[in-house]
Amino acid sequence: MDSNILSIIIGAAALIVGLILGKVIFAKNANKKVEEAELQSQTILKEAQLRAETIRKEKELEAKENFVQLKSV
């Protein structure tokens, strides 16, 4: 077999293997980033819910205080 043809076949095989490995590695990294983003979004949602609950309680307390003040007048 001609050495040029053999070189082309080896080069093409190496390219195909490299592309497959690149896709596998990229897919693993992409999945890891998606998982990290999901965890971060869950953390942000929990913090937002806690803040909303705190604000709601503060506003209820203010409303009760205003009611007591209006009632005493």
N, C-alpha and C. Protein backbone atom coordinates (compact mmCIF):
# COMPACT_ATOMS: atom_id res chain seq x y z
N MET A 1 0.84 -1.18 0.00
CA MET A 1 0.00 0.00 0.00
C MET A 1 0.89 1.24 0.00
N ASP A 2 0.48 2.23 -0.69
CA ASP A 2 1.25 3.46 -0.80
C ASP A 2 1.29 4.16 0.55
N SER A 3 2.43 4.73 0.91
CA SER A 3 2.59 5.38 2.23
C SER A 3 1.72 6.63 2.34
N ASN A 4 1.44 7.29 1.23
CA ASN A 4 0.56 8.47 1.27
C ASN A 4 -0.87 8.09 1.64
N ILE A 5 -1.35 7.02 1.07
CA ILE A 5 -2.71 6.56 1.36
C ILE A 5 -2.80 6.11 2.81
N LEU A 6 -1.76 5.42 3.28
CA LEU A 6 -1.73 4.97 4.67
C LEU A 6 -1.72 6.17 5.62
N SER A 7 -0.98 7.18 5.29
CA SER A 7 -0.93 8.40 6.11
C SER A 7 -2.29 9.09 6.16
N ILE A 8 -2.96 9.13 5.01
CA ILE A 8 -4.29 9.76 4.95
C ILE A 8 -5.29 8.98 5.80
N ILE A 9 -5.24 7.65 5.71
CA ILE A 9 -6.15 6.81 6.49
C ILE A 9 -5.89 6.98 7.99
N ILE A 10 -4.64 6.98 8.39
CA ILE A 10 -4.28 7.17 9.81
C ILE A 10 -4.71 8.56 10.29
N GLY A 11 -4.49 9.56 9.46
CA GLY A 11 -4.88 10.93 9.82
C GLY A 11 -6.39 11.06 9.97
N ALA A 12 -7.14 10.45 9.05
CA ALA A 12 -8.60 10.50 9.13
C ALA A 12 -9.10 9.77 10.37
N ALA A 13 -8.51 8.63 10.67
CA ALA A 13 -8.90 7.87 11.86
C ALA A 13 -8.60 8.67 13.12
N ALA A 14 -7.44 9.29 13.17
CA ALA A 14 -7.08 10.10 14.33
C ALA A 14 -8.04 11.29 14.48
N LEU A 15 -8.43 11.88 13.38
CA LEU A 15 -9.38 13.00 13.41
C LEU A 15 -10.72 12.55 13.95
N ILE A 16 -11.19 11.41 13.48
CA ILE A 16 -12.48 10.89 13.94
C ILE A 16 -12.43 10.58 15.45
N VAL A 17 -11.38 9.92 15.87
CA VAL A 17 -11.23 9.59 17.30
C VAL A 17 -11.15 10.88 18.12
N GLY A 18 -10.42 11.86 17.65
CA GLY A 18 -10.31 13.14 18.35
C GLY A 18 -11.65 13.85 18.46
N LEU A 19 -12.42 13.84 17.39
CA LEU A 19 -13.75 14.47 17.42
C LEU A 19 -14.67 13.77 18.41
N ILE A 20 -14.65 12.45 18.41
CA ILE A 20 -15.50 11.69 19.34
C ILE A 20 -15.09 11.97 20.78
N LEU A 21 -13.81 11.94 21.07
CA LEU A 21 -13.34 12.22 22.43
C LEU A 21 -13.68 13.66 22.84
N GLY A 22 -13.54 14.58 21.92
CA GLY A 22 -13.88 15.97 22.22
C GLY A 22 -15.35 16.13 22.57
N LYS A 23 -16.21 15.46 21.83
CA LYS A 23 -17.65 15.55 22.13
C LYS A 23 -17.97 14.93 23.47
N VAL A 24 -17.34 13.81 23.80
CA VAL A 24 -17.59 13.16 25.09
C VAL A 24 -17.15 14.07 26.23
N ILE A 25 -15.96 14.62 26.12
CA ILE A 25 -15.45 15.50 27.17
C ILE A 25 -16.31 16.75 27.28
N PHE A 26 -16.70 17.33 26.17
CA PHE A 26 -17.54 18.52 26.19
C PHE A 26 -18.89 18.22 26.82
N ALA A 27 -19.45 17.06 26.53
CA ALA A 27 -20.75 16.68 27.08
C ALA A 27 -20.66 16.54 28.60
N LYS A 28 -19.58 15.97 29.09
CA LYS A 28 -19.41 15.84 30.54
C LYS A 28 -19.31 17.21 31.19
N ASN A 29 -18.54 18.12 30.59
CA ASN A 29 -18.40 19.46 31.14
C ASN A 29 -19.72 20.22 31.09
N ALA A 30 -20.46 20.05 30.02
CA ALA A 30 -21.75 20.73 29.88
C ALA A 30 -22.72 20.22 30.93
N ASN A 31 -22.77 18.91 31.16
CA ASN A 31 -23.65 18.35 32.17
C ASN A 31 -23.28 18.86 33.56
N LYS A 32 -22.00 18.96 33.83
CA LYS A 32 -21.54 19.46 35.13
C LYS A 32 -21.97 20.91 35.32
N LYS A 33 -21.84 21.72 34.28
CA LYS A 33 -22.24 23.12 34.37
C LYS A 33 -23.74 23.26 34.56
N VAL A 34 -24.51 22.41 33.90
CA VAL A 34 -25.97 22.45 34.05
C VAL A 34 -26.35 22.10 35.49
N GLU A 35 -25.72 21.09 36.06
CA GLU A 35 -26.00 20.71 37.44
C GLU A 35 -25.65 21.84 38.40
N GLU A 36 -24.51 22.48 38.18
CA GLU A 36 -24.11 23.60 39.03
C GLU A 36 -25.10 24.75 38.92
N ALA A 37 -25.57 25.02 37.72
CA ALA A 37 -26.55 26.10 37.52
C ALA A 37 -27.87 25.76 38.20
N GLU A 38 -28.28 24.51 38.15
CA GLU A 38 -29.52 24.11 38.81
C GLU A 38 -29.40 24.27 40.33
N LEU A 39 -28.27 23.88 40.89
CA LEU A 39 -28.06 24.04 42.33
C LEU A 39 -28.06 25.52 42.72
N GLN A 40 -27.42 26.33 41.90
CA GLN A 40 -27.37 27.76 42.18
C GLN A 40 -28.77 28.37 42.09
N SER A 41 -29.55 27.95 41.11
CA SER A 41 -30.90 28.50 40.99
C SER A 41 -31.77 28.07 42.16
N GLN A 42 -31.61 26.84 42.65
CA GLN A 42 -32.36 26.40 43.82
C GLN A 42 -31.99 27.22 45.05
N THR A 43 -30.71 27.51 45.20
CA THR A 43 -30.25 28.32 46.33
C THR A 43 -30.84 29.73 46.25
N ILE A 44 -30.83 30.31 45.07
CA ILE A 44 -31.39 31.65 44.89
C ILE A 44 -32.87 31.67 45.19
N LEU A 45 -33.59 30.64 44.74
CA LEU A 45 -35.03 30.56 45.02
C LEU A 45 -35.31 30.44 46.51
N LYS A 46 -34.53 29.62 47.21
CA LYS A 46 -34.72 29.48 48.66
C LYS A 46 -34.48 30.80 49.38
N GLU A 47 -33.41 31.50 48.99
CA GLU A 47 -33.11 32.81 49.60
C GLU A 47 -34.24 33.80 49.32
N ALA A 48 -34.74 33.79 48.11
CA ALA A 48 -35.83 34.71 47.75
C ALA A 48 -37.10 34.40 48.56
N GLN A 49 -37.37 33.12 48.74
CA GLN A 49 -38.55 32.74 49.53
C GLN A 49 -38.40 33.18 50.98
N LEU A 50 -37.20 33.03 51.54
CA LEU A 50 -36.96 33.46 52.92
C LEU A 50 -37.11 34.98 53.04
N ARG A 51 -36.59 35.71 52.08
CA ARG A 51 -36.72 37.18 52.11
C ARG A 51 -38.18 37.59 51.99
N ALA A 52 -38.90 36.92 51.10
CA ALA A 52 -40.32 37.26 50.92
C ALA A 52 -41.10 36.99 52.20
N GLU A 53 -40.81 35.90 52.86
CA GLU A 53 -41.49 35.56 54.12
C GLU A 53 -41.16 36.59 55.20
N THR A 54 -39.91 37.01 55.27
CA THR A 54 -39.50 38.01 56.26
C THR A 54 -40.21 39.34 56.00
N ILE A 55 -40.25 39.75 54.75
CA ILE A 55 -40.92 41.01 54.39
C ILE A 55 -42.41 40.92 54.70
N ARG A 56 -43.02 39.78 54.39
CA ARG A 56 -44.45 39.60 54.66
C ARG A 56 -44.73 39.72 56.16
N LYS A 57 -43.89 39.11 56.98
CA LYS A 57 -44.08 39.17 58.44
C LYS A 57 -43.90 40.60 58.95
N GLU A 58 -42.91 41.30 58.40
CA GLU A 58 -42.69 42.69 58.81
C GLU A 58 -43.89 43.56 58.45
N LYS A 59 -44.42 43.37 57.25
CA LYS A 59 -45.58 44.16 56.81
C LYS A 59 -46.82 43.83 57.64
N GLU A 60 -47.00 42.57 58.01
CA GLU A 60 -48.13 42.20 58.87
C GLU A 60 -48.01 42.87 60.23
N LEU A 61 -46.79 42.89 60.76
CA LEU A 61 -46.56 43.53 62.05
C LEU A 61 -46.83 45.03 61.96
N GLU A 62 -46.38 45.66 60.89
CA GLU A 62 -46.64 47.09 60.69
C GLU A 62 -48.14 47.36 60.60
N ALA A 63 -48.84 46.50 59.88
CA ALA A 63 -50.29 46.67 59.73
C ALA A 63 -50.98 46.53 61.08
N LYS A 64 -50.55 45.57 61.88
CA LYS A 64 -51.14 45.40 63.21
C LYS A 64 -50.86 46.62 64.09
N GLU A 65 -49.64 47.14 64.02
CA GLU A 65 -49.29 48.33 64.80
C GLU A 65 -50.14 49.52 64.36
N ASN A 66 -50.32 49.68 63.07
CA ASN A 66 -51.16 50.78 62.56
C ASN A 66 -52.60 50.61 63.02
N PHE A 67 -53.08 49.38 63.01
CA PHE A 67 -54.45 49.11 63.47
C PHE A 67 -54.61 49.47 64.94
N VAL A 68 -53.62 49.10 65.75
CA VAL A 68 -53.68 49.41 67.19
C VAL A 68 -53.66 50.93 67.38
N GLN A 69 -52.83 51.62 66.63
CA GLN A 69 -52.74 53.08 66.75
C GLN A 69 -54.08 53.72 66.33
N LEU A 70 -54.67 53.26 65.23
CA LEU A 70 -55.93 53.82 64.79
C LEU A 70 -57.05 53.49 65.78
N LYS A 71 -57.00 52.35 66.36
CA LYS A 71 -58.01 51.93 67.32
C LYS A 71 -57.94 52.75 68.60
N SER A 72 -56.73 53.13 69.00
CA SER A 72 -56.54 53.90 70.25
C SER A 72 -56.92 55.36 70.07
N VAL A 73 -57.03 55.83 68.87
CA VAL A 73 -57.35 57.25 68.64
C VAL A 73 -58.78 57.53 68.85
